[in-house]
Amino acid sequence: MTVRPENRGELFQTIKPLLDPIRSKKGCLAYDFYVDVNDENSTVLIGEWESQEDWTNHLESRDFAVLLGAITILSSPDSVDFKLLSAVVDEEQLARLRA
């Protein structure tokens, strides 16, 4: 997402206190917020979840609602893009894929 320059500080202040509570949720393997070194208004938020259920619970949580609200209000609307980078695969599926 690209944050409006005048809102960058507010977005960071909103996201920072949410990171540790989200990271402590069941199934959260990683949850990190990055800023592009070449464009301080360009950011990426990456979460990794143990299971589809854990990810779904996160999407339905209060923390995610606050996060999404801040992103919606403080960033440029056409710059917000959500991507599922990889599907959640359980151990049995992973074993079949490796075979």
PDB file of N, CA and C in Angstrom:
ATOM      1  N   MET A   1       0.836  -1.173   0.000  1.00  0.00           N
ATOM      2  CA  MET A   1       0.000   0.000   0.000  1.00  0.00           C
ATOM      3  C   MET A   1       0.878   1.232   0.000  1.00  0.00           C
ATOM      4  N   THR A   2       0.332   2.308  -0.492  1.00  0.00           N
ATOM      5  CA  THR A   2       1.034   3.583  -0.461  1.00  0.00           C
ATOM      6  C   THR A   2       0.255   4.518   0.448  1.00  0.00           C
ATOM      7  N   VAL A   3       0.926   4.998   1.460  1.00  0.00           N
ATOM      8  CA  VAL A   3       0.294   5.906   2.424  1.00  0.00           C
ATOM      9  C   VAL A   3       0.476   7.333   1.936  1.00  0.00           C
ATOM     10  N   ARG A   4      -0.527   8.154   2.190  1.00  0.00           N
ATOM     11  CA  ARG A   4      -0.380   9.577   1.871  1.00  0.00           C
ATOM     12  C   ARG A   4       0.700  10.144   2.785  1.00  0.00           C
ATOM     13  N   PRO A   5       1.625  10.951   2.251  1.00  0.00           N
ATOM     14  CA  PRO A   5       2.739  11.457   3.064  1.00  0.00           C
ATOM     15  C   PRO A   5       2.285  12.123   4.364  1.00  0.00           C
ATOM     16  N   GLU A   6       1.214  12.881   4.311  1.00  0.00           N
ATOM     17  CA  GLU A   6       0.732  13.571   5.512  1.00  0.00           C
ATOM     18  C   GLU A   6       0.137  12.619   6.547  1.00  0.00           C
ATOM     19  N   ASN A   7      -0.127  11.363   6.162  1.00  0.00           N
ATOM     20  CA  ASN A   7      -0.725  10.380   7.069  1.00  0.00           C
ATOM     21  C   ASN A   7       0.243   9.286   7.499  1.00  0.00           C
ATOM     22  N   ARG A   8       1.475   9.336   6.997  1.00  0.00           N
ATOM     23  CA  ARG A   8       2.441   8.278   7.272  1.00  0.00           C
ATOM     24  C   ARG A   8       2.634   8.056   8.779  1.00  0.00           C
ATOM     25  N   GLY A   9       2.880   9.111   9.519  1.00  0.00           N
ATOM     26  CA  GLY A   9       3.101   8.979  10.962  1.00  0.00           C
ATOM     27  C   GLY A   9       1.915   8.369  11.676  1.00  0.00           C
ATOM     28  N   GLU A  10       0.734   8.798  11.303  1.00  0.00           N
ATOM     29  CA  GLU A  10      -0.484   8.269  11.937  1.00  0.00           C
ATOM     30  C   GLU A  10      -0.683   6.791  11.613  1.00  0.00           C
ATOM     31  N   LEU A  11      -0.414   6.406  10.360  1.00  0.00           N
ATOM     32  CA  LEU A  11      -0.538   4.991   9.993  1.00  0.00           C
ATOM     33  C   LEU A  11       0.444   4.151  10.799  1.00  0.00           C
ATOM     34  N   PHE A  12       1.690   4.591  10.884  1.00  0.00           N
ATOM     35  CA  PHE A  12       2.699   3.848  11.638  1.00  0.00           C
ATOM     36  C   PHE A  12       2.312   3.752  13.114  1.00  0.00           C
ATOM     37  N   GLN A  13       1.796   4.843  13.677  1.00  0.00           N
ATOM     38  CA  GLN A  13       1.380   4.840  15.092  1.00  0.00           C
ATOM     39  C   GLN A  13       0.208   3.902  15.328  1.00  0.00           C
ATOM     40  N   THR A  14      -0.624   3.706  14.325  1.00  0.00           N
ATOM     41  CA  THR A  14      -1.766   2.797  14.457  1.00  0.00           C
ATOM     42  C   THR A  14      -1.324   1.348  14.315  1.00  0.00           C
ATOM     43  N   ILE A  15      -0.463   1.076  13.347  1.00  0.00           N
ATOM     44  CA  ILE A  15      -0.058  -0.298  13.069  1.00  0.00           C
ATOM     45  C   ILE A  15       0.893  -0.851  14.127  1.00  0.00           C
ATOM     46  N   LYS A  16       1.844  -0.054  14.571  1.00  0.00           N
ATOM     47  CA  LYS A  16       2.878  -0.554  15.495  1.00  0.00           C
ATOM     48  C   LYS A  16       2.304  -1.234  16.744  1.00  0.00           C
ATOM     49  N   PRO A  17       1.343  -0.626  17.464  1.00  0.00           N
ATOM     50  CA  PRO A  17       0.841  -1.307  18.663  1.00  0.00           C
ATOM     51  C   PRO A  17      -0.009  -2.547  18.374  1.00  0.00           C
ATOM     52  N   LEU A  18      -0.415  -2.737  17.117  1.00  0.00           N
ATOM     53  CA  LEU A  18      -1.205  -3.918  16.763  1.00  0.00           C
ATOM     54  C   LEU A  18      -0.338  -5.136  16.456  1.00  0.00           C
ATOM     55  N   LEU A  19       0.922  -4.907  16.097  1.00  0.00           N
ATOM     56  CA  LEU A  19       1.765  -6.013  15.638  1.00  0.00           C
ATOM     57  C   LEU A  19       1.975  -7.092  16.697  1.00  0.00           C
ATOM     58  N   ASP A  20       2.386  -6.711  17.908  1.00  0.00           N
ATOM     59  CA  ASP A  20       2.638  -7.737  18.934  1.00  0.00           C
ATOM     60  C   ASP A  20       1.372  -8.502  19.332  1.00  0.00           C
ATOM     61  N   PRO A  21       0.225  -7.834  19.538  1.00  0.00           N
ATOM     62  CA  PRO A  21      -0.985  -8.611  19.839  1.00  0.00           C
ATOM     63  C   PRO A  21      -1.361  -9.577  18.711  1.00  0.00           C
ATOM     64  N   ILE A  22      -1.203  -9.153  17.468  1.00  0.00           N
ATOM     65  CA  ILE A  22      -1.506 -10.049  16.351  1.00  0.00           C
ATOM     66  C   ILE A  22      -0.518 -11.209  16.329  1.00  0.00           C
ATOM     67  N   ARG A  23       0.759 -10.907  16.540  1.00  0.00           N
ATOM     68  CA  ARG A  23       1.784 -11.962  16.549  1.00  0.00           C
ATOM     69  C   ARG A  23       1.542 -13.000  17.636  1.00  0.00           C
ATOM     70  N   SER A  24       0.874 -12.597  18.707  1.00  0.00           N
ATOM     71  CA  SER A  24       0.639 -13.530  19.819  1.00  0.00           C
ATOM     72  C   SER A  24      -0.621 -14.374  19.621  1.00  0.00           C
ATOM     73  N   LYS A  25      -1.361 -14.134  18.560  1.00  0.00           N
ATOM     74  CA  LYS A  25      -2.577 -14.903  18.297  1.00  0.00           C
ATOM     75  C   LYS A  25      -2.240 -16.326  17.901  1.00  0.00           C
ATOM     76  N   LYS A  26      -3.154 -17.219  18.213  1.00  0.00           N
ATOM     77  CA  LYS A  26      -2.978 -18.627  17.868  1.00  0.00           C
ATOM     78  C   LYS A  26      -2.737 -18.763  16.371  1.00  0.00           C
ATOM     79  N   GLY A  27      -1.665 -19.457  16.036  1.00  0.00           N
ATOM     80  CA  GLY A  27      -1.374 -19.778  14.646  1.00  0.00           C
ATOM     81  C   GLY A  27      -0.580 -18.737  13.888  1.00  0.00           C
ATOM     82  N   CYS A  28      -0.287 -17.590  14.493  1.00  0.00           N
ATOM     83  CA  CYS A  28       0.494 -16.575  13.793  1.00  0.00           C
ATOM     84  C   CYS A  28       1.964 -16.980  13.794  1.00  0.00           C
ATOM     85  N   LEU A  29       2.516 -17.196  12.617  1.00  0.00           N
ATOM     86  CA  LEU A  29       3.918 -17.562  12.483  1.00  0.00           C
ATOM     87  C   LEU A  29       4.793 -16.327  12.286  1.00  0.00           C
ATOM     88  N   ALA A  30       4.229 -15.302  11.652  1.00  0.00           N
ATOM     89  CA  ALA A  30       4.952 -14.041  11.430  1.00  0.00           C
ATOM     90  C   ALA A  30       3.943 -12.971  11.038  1.00  0.00           C
ATOM     91  N   TYR A  31       4.228 -11.735  11.428  1.00  0.00           N
ATOM     92  CA  TYR A  31       3.400 -10.595  11.044  1.00  0.00           C
ATOM     93  C   TYR A  31       4.296  -9.372  11.075  1.00  0.00           C
ATOM     94  N   ASP A  32       4.664  -8.877   9.900  1.00  0.00           N
ATOM     95  CA  ASP A  32       5.655  -7.815   9.826  1.00  0.00           C
ATOM     96  C   ASP A  32       5.220  -6.709   8.874  1.00  0.00           C
ATOM     97  N   PHE A  33       5.655  -5.505   9.194  1.00  0.00           N
ATOM     98  CA  PHE A  33       5.339  -4.299   8.442  1.00  0.00           C
ATOM     99  C   PHE A  33       6.643  -3.729   7.906  1.00  0.00           C
ATOM    100  N   TYR A  34       6.717  -3.528   6.603  1.00  0.00           N
ATOM    101  CA  TYR A  34       7.947  -3.074   5.957  1.00  0.00           C
ATOM    102  C   TYR A  34       7.718  -1.759   5.211  1.00  0.00           C
ATOM    103  N   VAL A  35       8.766  -0.959   5.160  1.00  0.00           N
ATOM    104  CA  VAL A  35       8.753   0.292   4.412  1.00  0.00           C
ATOM    105  C   VAL A  35       9.813   0.177   3.317  1.00  0.00           C
ATOM    106  N   ASP A  36       9.458   0.581   2.123  1.00  0.00           N
ATOM    107  CA  ASP A  36      10.378   0.553   0.978  1.00  0.00           C
ATOM    108  C   ASP A  36      11.509   1.545   1.213  1.00  0.00           C
ATOM    109  N   VAL A  37      12.751   1.101   1.059  1.00  0.00           N
ATOM    110  CA  VAL A  37      13.898   1.988   1.298  1.00  0.00           C
ATOM    111  C   VAL A  37      13.980   3.111   0.265  1.00  0.00           C
ATOM    112  N   ASN A  38      13.379   2.911  -0.892  1.00  0.00           N
ATOM    113  CA  ASN A  38      13.411   3.930  -1.936  1.00  0.00           C
ATOM    114  C   ASN A  38      12.202   4.861  -1.917  1.00  0.00           C
ATOM    115  N   ASP A  39      11.164   4.479  -1.169  1.00  0.00           N
ATOM    116  CA  ASP A  39       9.950   5.298  -1.103  1.00  0.00           C
ATOM    117  C   ASP A  39       9.313   5.089   0.266  1.00  0.00           C
ATOM    118  N   GLU A  40       9.548   6.003   1.178  1.00  0.00           N
ATOM    119  CA  GLU A  40       9.061   5.842   2.556  1.00  0.00           C
ATOM    120  C   GLU A  40       7.544   5.835   2.672  1.00  0.00           C
ATOM    121  N   ASN A  41       6.832   6.139   1.596  1.00  0.00           N
ATOM    122  CA  ASN A  41       5.372   6.091   1.607  1.00  0.00           C
ATOM    123  C   ASN A  41       4.830   4.759   1.098  1.00  0.00           C
ATOM    124  N   SER A  42       5.712   3.907   0.627  1.00  0.00           N
ATOM    125  CA  SER A  42       5.336   2.605   0.100  1.00  0.00           C
ATOM    126  C   SER A  42       5.603   1.546   1.169  1.00  0.00           C
ATOM    127  N   THR A  43       4.574   0.796   1.543  1.00  0.00           N
ATOM    128  CA  THR A  43       4.695  -0.169   2.635  1.00  0.00           C
ATOM    129  C   THR A  43       4.098  -1.520   2.252  1.00  0.00           C
ATOM    130  N   VAL A  44       4.516  -2.524   3.002  1.00  0.00           N
ATOM    131  CA  VAL A  44       3.995  -3.876   2.820  1.00  0.00           C
ATOM    132  C   VAL A  44       3.767  -4.470   4.206  1.00  0.00           C
ATOM    133  N   LEU A  45       2.639  -5.115   4.369  1.00  0.00           N
ATOM    134  CA  LEU A  45       2.313  -5.823   5.602  1.00  0.00           C
ATOM    135  C   LEU A  45       2.175  -7.290   5.232  1.00  0.00           C
ATOM    136  N   ILE A  46       2.991  -8.143   5.867  1.00  0.00           N
ATOM    137  CA  ILE A  46       2.993  -9.570   5.524  1.00  0.00           C
ATOM    138  C   ILE A  46       2.689 -10.395   6.770  1.00  0.00           C
ATOM    139  N   GLY A  47       1.685 -11.247   6.640  1.00  0.00           N
ATOM    140  CA  GLY A  47       1.335 -12.164   7.714  1.00  0.00           C
ATOM    141  C   GLY A  47       1.458 -13.596   7.242  1.00  0.00           C
ATOM    142  N   GLU A  48       1.890 -14.455   8.140  1.00  0.00           N
ATOM    143  CA  GLU A  48       2.003 -15.884   7.835  1.00  0.00           C
ATOM    144  C   GLU A  48       1.279 -16.648   8.936  1.00  0.00           C
ATOM    145  N   TRP A  49       0.364 -17.525   8.535  1.00  0.00           N
ATOM    146  CA  TRP A  49      -0.486 -18.241   9.486  1.00  0.00           C
ATOM    147  C   TRP A  49      -0.320 -19.737   9.350  1.00  0.00           C
ATOM    148  N   GLU A  50      -0.448 -20.407  10.472  1.00  0.00           N
ATOM    149  CA  GLU A  50      -0.261 -21.861  10.518  1.00  0.00           C
ATOM    150  C   GLU A  50      -1.353 -22.611   9.760  1.00  0.00           C
ATOM    151  N   SER A  51      -2.577 -22.116   9.803  1.00  0.00           N
ATOM    152  CA  SER A  51      -3.676 -22.815   9.146  1.00  0.00           C
ATOM    153  C   SER A  51      -4.668 -21.815   8.557  1.00  0.00           C
ATOM    154  N   GLN A  52      -5.494 -22.307   7.662  1.00  0.00           N
ATOM    155  CA  GLN A  52      -6.560 -21.503   7.068  1.00  0.00           C
ATOM    156  C   GLN A  52      -7.485 -20.982   8.166  1.00  0.00           C
ATOM    157  N   GLU A  53      -7.790 -21.810   9.139  1.00  0.00           N
ATOM    158  CA  GLU A  53      -8.659 -21.419  10.245  1.00  0.00           C
ATOM    159  C   GLU A  53      -8.048 -20.265  11.050  1.00  0.00           C
ATOM    160  N   ASP A  54      -6.753 -20.339  11.337  1.00  0.00           N
ATOM    161  CA  ASP A  54      -6.082 -19.266  12.081  1.00  0.00           C
ATOM    162  C   ASP A  54      -6.129 -17.958  11.288  1.00  0.00           C
ATOM    163  N   TRP A  55      -5.897 -18.052   9.989  1.00  0.00           N
ATOM    164  CA  TRP A  55      -5.934 -16.867   9.132  1.00  0.00           C
ATOM    165  C   TRP A  55      -7.337 -16.272   9.094  1.00  0.00           C
ATOM    166  N   THR A  56      -8.337 -17.124   8.956  1.00  0.00           N
ATOM    167  CA  THR A  56      -9.728 -16.666   8.944  1.00  0.00           C
ATOM    168  C   THR A  56     -10.087 -16.001  10.268  1.00  0.00           C
ATOM    169  N   ASN A  57      -9.660 -16.590  11.366  1.00  0.00           N
ATOM    170  CA  ASN A  57      -9.913 -15.975  12.677  1.00  0.00           C
ATOM    171  C   ASN A  57      -9.274 -14.594  12.761  1.00  0.00           C
ATOM    172  N   HIS A  58      -8.080 -14.460  12.212  1.00  0.00           N
ATOM    173  CA  HIS A  58      -7.413 -13.151  12.191  1.00  0.00           C
ATOM    174  C   HIS A  58      -8.237 -12.144  11.383  1.00  0.00           C
ATOM    175  N   LEU A  59      -8.711 -12.563  10.213  1.00  0.00           N
ATOM    176  CA  LEU A  59      -9.488 -11.660   9.364  1.00  0.00           C
ATOM    177  C   LEU A  59     -10.780 -11.205  10.035  1.00  0.00           C
ATOM    178  N   GLU A  60     -11.286 -11.991  10.957  1.00  0.00           N
ATOM    179  CA  GLU A  60     -12.532 -11.668  11.672  1.00  0.00           C
ATOM    180  C   GLU A  60     -12.272 -10.989  13.011  1.00  0.00           C
ATOM    181  N   SER A  61     -11.010 -10.721  13.339  1.00  0.00           N
ATOM    182  CA  SER A  61     -10.663 -10.175  14.651  1.00  0.00           C
ATOM    183  C   SER A  61     -10.807  -8.660  14.716  1.00  0.00           C
ATOM    184  N   ARG A  62     -10.895  -8.154  15.929  1.00  0.00           N
ATOM    185  CA  ARG A  62     -10.947  -6.714  16.174  1.00  0.00           C
ATOM    186  C   ARG A  62      -9.660  -6.044  15.707  1.00  0.00           C
ATOM    187  N   ASP A  63      -8.513  -6.677  15.966  1.00  0.00           N
ATOM    188  CA  ASP A  63      -7.234  -6.106  15.558  1.00  0.00           C
ATOM    189  C   ASP A  63      -7.168  -5.897  14.045  1.00  0.00           C
ATOM    190  N   PHE A  64      -7.653  -6.888  13.280  1.00  0.00           N
ATOM    191  CA  PHE A  64      -7.628  -6.741  11.833  1.00  0.00           C
ATOM    192  C   PHE A  64      -8.606  -5.658  11.389  1.00  0.00           C
ATOM    193  N   ALA A  65      -9.747  -5.546  12.057  1.00  0.00           N
ATOM    194  CA  ALA A  65     -10.714  -4.495  11.716  1.00  0.00           C
ATOM    195  C   ALA A  65     -10.099  -3.113  11.914  1.00  0.00           C
ATOM    196  N   VAL A  66      -9.371  -2.926  13.020  1.00  0.00           N
ATOM    197  CA  VAL A  66      -8.699  -1.647  13.277  1.00  0.00           C
ATOM    198  C   VAL A  66      -7.634  -1.402  12.211  1.00  0.00           C
ATOM    199  N   LEU A  67      -6.851  -2.416  11.925  1.00  0.00           N
ATOM    200  CA  LEU A  67      -5.799  -2.322  10.920  1.00  0.00           C
ATOM    201  C   LEU A  67      -6.380  -1.962   9.556  1.00  0.00           C
ATOM    202  N   LEU A  68      -7.408  -2.649   9.146  1.00  0.00           N
ATOM    203  CA  LEU A  68      -8.032  -2.400   7.858  1.00  0.00           C
ATOM    204  C   LEU A  68      -8.638  -0.998   7.804  1.00  0.00           C
ATOM    205  N   GLY A  69      -9.239  -0.571   8.899  1.00  0.00           N
ATOM    206  CA  GLY A  69      -9.794   0.779   8.955  1.00  0.00           C
ATOM    207  C   GLY A  69      -8.723   1.834   8.773  1.00  0.00           C
ATOM    208  N   ALA A  70      -7.599   1.659   9.461  1.00  0.00           N
ATOM    209  CA  ALA A  70      -6.485   2.612   9.341  1.00  0.00           C
ATOM    210  C   ALA A  70      -5.936   2.626   7.922  1.00  0.00           C
ATOM    211  N   ILE A  71      -5.763   1.461   7.342  1.00  0.00           N
ATOM    212  CA  ILE A  71      -5.242   1.367   5.980  1.00  0.00           C
ATOM    213  C   ILE A  71      -6.203   2.061   5.010  1.00  0.00           C
ATOM    214  N   THR A  72      -7.482   1.819   5.171  1.00  0.00           N
ATOM    215  CA  THR A  72      -8.485   2.392   4.289  1.00  0.00           C
ATOM    216  C   THR A  72      -8.513   3.914   4.375  1.00  0.00           C
ATOM    217  N   ILE A  73      -8.427   4.435   5.579  1.00  0.00           N
ATOM    218  CA  ILE A  73      -8.524   5.875   5.789  1.00  0.00           C
ATOM    219  C   ILE A  73      -7.231   6.608   5.439  1.00  0.00           C
ATOM    220  N   LEU A  74      -6.099   6.017   5.755  1.00  0.00           N
ATOM    221  CA  LEU A  74      -4.825   6.745   5.691  1.00  0.00           C
ATOM    222  C   LEU A  74      -4.000   6.515   4.432  1.00  0.00           C
ATOM    223  N   SER A  75      -4.361   5.538   3.634  1.00  0.00           N
ATOM    224  CA  SER A  75      -3.557   5.284   2.440  1.00  0.00           C
ATOM    225  C   SER A  75      -4.307   5.717   1.187  1.00  0.00           C
ATOM    226  N   SER A  76      -3.598   5.744   0.099  1.00  0.00           N
ATOM    227  CA  SER A  76      -4.199   6.089  -1.182  1.00  0.00           C
ATOM    228  C   SER A  76      -5.063   4.916  -1.627  1.00  0.00           C
ATOM    229  N   PRO A  77      -6.356   5.147  -1.880  1.00  0.00           N
ATOM    230  CA  PRO A  77      -7.283   4.042  -2.162  1.00  0.00           C
ATOM    231  C   PRO A  77      -6.852   3.114  -3.294  1.00  0.00           C
ATOM    232  N   ASP A  78      -6.286   3.652  -4.345  1.00  0.00           N
ATOM    233  CA  ASP A  78      -5.901   2.806  -5.476  1.00  0.00           C
ATOM    234  C   ASP A  78      -4.581   2.079  -5.256  1.00  0.00           C
ATOM    235  N   SER A  79      -3.969   2.287  -4.097  1.00  0.00           N
ATOM    236  CA  SER A  79      -2.672   1.657  -3.843  1.00  0.00           C
ATOM    237  C   SER A  79      -2.751   0.471  -2.900  1.00  0.00           C
ATOM    238  N   VAL A  80      -3.920   0.184  -2.360  1.00  0.00           N
ATOM    239  CA  VAL A  80      -4.065  -0.930  -1.428  1.00  0.00           C
ATOM    240  C   VAL A  80      -4.372  -2.186  -2.232  1.00  0.00           C
ATOM    241  N   ASP A  81      -3.570  -3.208  -2.015  1.00  0.00           N
ATOM    242  CA  ASP A  81      -3.718  -4.446  -2.764  1.00  0.00           C
ATOM    243  C   ASP A  81      -3.480  -5.614  -1.815  1.00  0.00           C
ATOM    244  N   PHE A  82      -4.427  -6.529  -1.744  1.00  0.00           N
ATOM    245  CA  PHE A  82      -4.286  -7.710  -0.898  1.00  0.00           C
ATOM    246  C   PHE A  82      -3.978  -8.902  -1.783  1.00  0.00           C
ATOM    247  N   LYS A  83      -2.991  -9.685  -1.376  1.00  0.00           N
ATOM    248  CA  LYS A  83      -2.621 -10.872  -2.142  1.00  0.00           C
ATOM    249  C   LYS A  83      -2.420 -12.043  -1.191  1.00  0.00           C
ATOM    250  N   LEU A  84      -2.937 -13.172  -1.586  1.00  0.00           N
ATOM    251  CA  LEU A  84      -2.658 -14.415  -0.887  1.00  0.00           C
ATOM    252  C   LEU A  84      -1.444 -15.004  -1.580  1.00  0.00           C
ATOM    253  N   LEU A  85      -0.303 -14.956  -0.906  1.00  0.00           N
ATOM    254  CA  LEU A  85       0.941 -15.371  -1.536  1.00  0.00           C
ATOM    255  C   LEU A  85       1.071 -16.879  -1.670  1.00  0.00           C
ATOM    256  N   SER A  86       0.507 -17.611  -0.734  1.00  0.00           N
ATOM    257  CA  SER A  86       0.518 -19.060  -0.858  1.00  0.00           C
ATOM    258  C   SER A  86      -0.634 -19.618  -0.041  1.00  0.00           C
ATOM    259  N   ALA A  87      -1.190 -20.662  -0.523  1.00  0.00           N
ATOM    260  CA  ALA A  87      -2.286 -21.299   0.177  1.00  0.00           C
ATOM    261  C   ALA A  87      -1.756 -22.042   1.391  1.00  0.00           C
ATOM    262  N   VAL A  88      -2.600 -22.188   2.370  1.00  0.00           N
ATOM    263  CA  VAL A  88      -2.244 -22.946   3.555  1.00  0.00           C
ATOM    264  C   VAL A  88      -2.313 -24.428   3.202  1.00  0.00           C
ATOM    265  N   VAL A  89      -1.260 -25.138   3.515  1.00  0.00           N
ATOM    266  CA  VAL A  89      -1.187 -26.563   3.203  1.00  0.00           C
ATOM    267  C   VAL A  89      -0.928 -27.312   4.498  1.00  0.00           C
ATOM    268  N   ASP A  90      -1.755 -28.329   4.800  1.00  0.00           N
ATOM    269  CA  ASP A  90      -1.503 -29.090   6.015  1.00  0.00           C
ATOM    270  C   ASP A  90      -0.411 -30.126   5.757  1.00  0.00           C
ATOM    271  N   GLU A  91       0.048 -30.768   6.808  1.00  0.00           N
ATOM    272  CA  GLU A  91       1.171 -31.708   6.704  1.00  0.00           C
ATOM    273  C   GLU A  91       0.885 -32.841   5.714  1.00  0.00           C
ATOM    274  N   GLU A  92      -0.338 -33.341   5.716  1.00  0.00           N
ATOM    275  CA  GLU A  92      -0.691 -34.424   4.813  1.00  0.00           C
ATOM    276  C   GLU A  92      -0.622 -33.953   3.353  1.00  0.00           C
ATOM    277  N   GLN A  93      -1.158 -32.764   3.077  1.00  0.00           N
ATOM    278  CA  GLN A  93      -1.089 -32.217   1.729  1.00  0.00           C
ATOM    279  C   GLN A  93       0.353 -31.976   1.317  1.00  0.00           C
ATOM    280  N   LEU A  94       1.153 -31.475   2.227  1.00  0.00           N
ATOM    281  CA  LEU A  94       2.556 -31.213   1.944  1.00  0.00           C
ATOM    282  C   LEU A  94       3.289 -32.503   1.589  1.00  0.00           C
ATOM    283  N   ALA A  95       3.013 -33.573   2.325  1.00  0.00           N
ATOM    284  CA  ALA A  95       3.642 -34.870   2.041  1.00  0.00           C
ATOM    285  C   ALA A  95       3.262 -35.364   0.651  1.00  0.00           C
ATOM    286  N   ARG A  96       1.976 -35.178   0.274  1.00  0.00           N
ATOM    287  CA  ARG A  96       1.541 -35.589  -1.069  1.00  0.00           C
ATOM    288  C   ARG A  96       2.227 -34.763  -2.146  1.00  0.00           C
ATOM    289  N   LEU A  97       2.387 -33.465  -1.899  1.00  0.00           N
ATOM    290  CA  LEU A  97       3.047 -32.598  -2.877  1.00  0.00           C
ATOM    291  C   LEU A  97       4.508 -32.969  -3.067  1.00  0.00           C
ATOM    292  N   ARG A  98       5.159 -33.394  -1.990  1.00  0.00           N
ATOM    293  CA  ARG A  98       6.577 -33.739  -2.057  1.00  0.00           C
ATOM    294  C   ARG A  98       6.802 -35.090  -2.730  1.00  0.00           C
ATOM    295  N   ALA A  99       5.774 -35.957  -2.695  1.00  0.00           N
ATOM    296  CA  ALA A  99       5.904 -37.329  -3.238  1.00  0.00           C
ATOM    297  C   ALA A  99       5.944 -37.368  -4.743  1.00  0.00           C
TER     298      ALA A  99
END
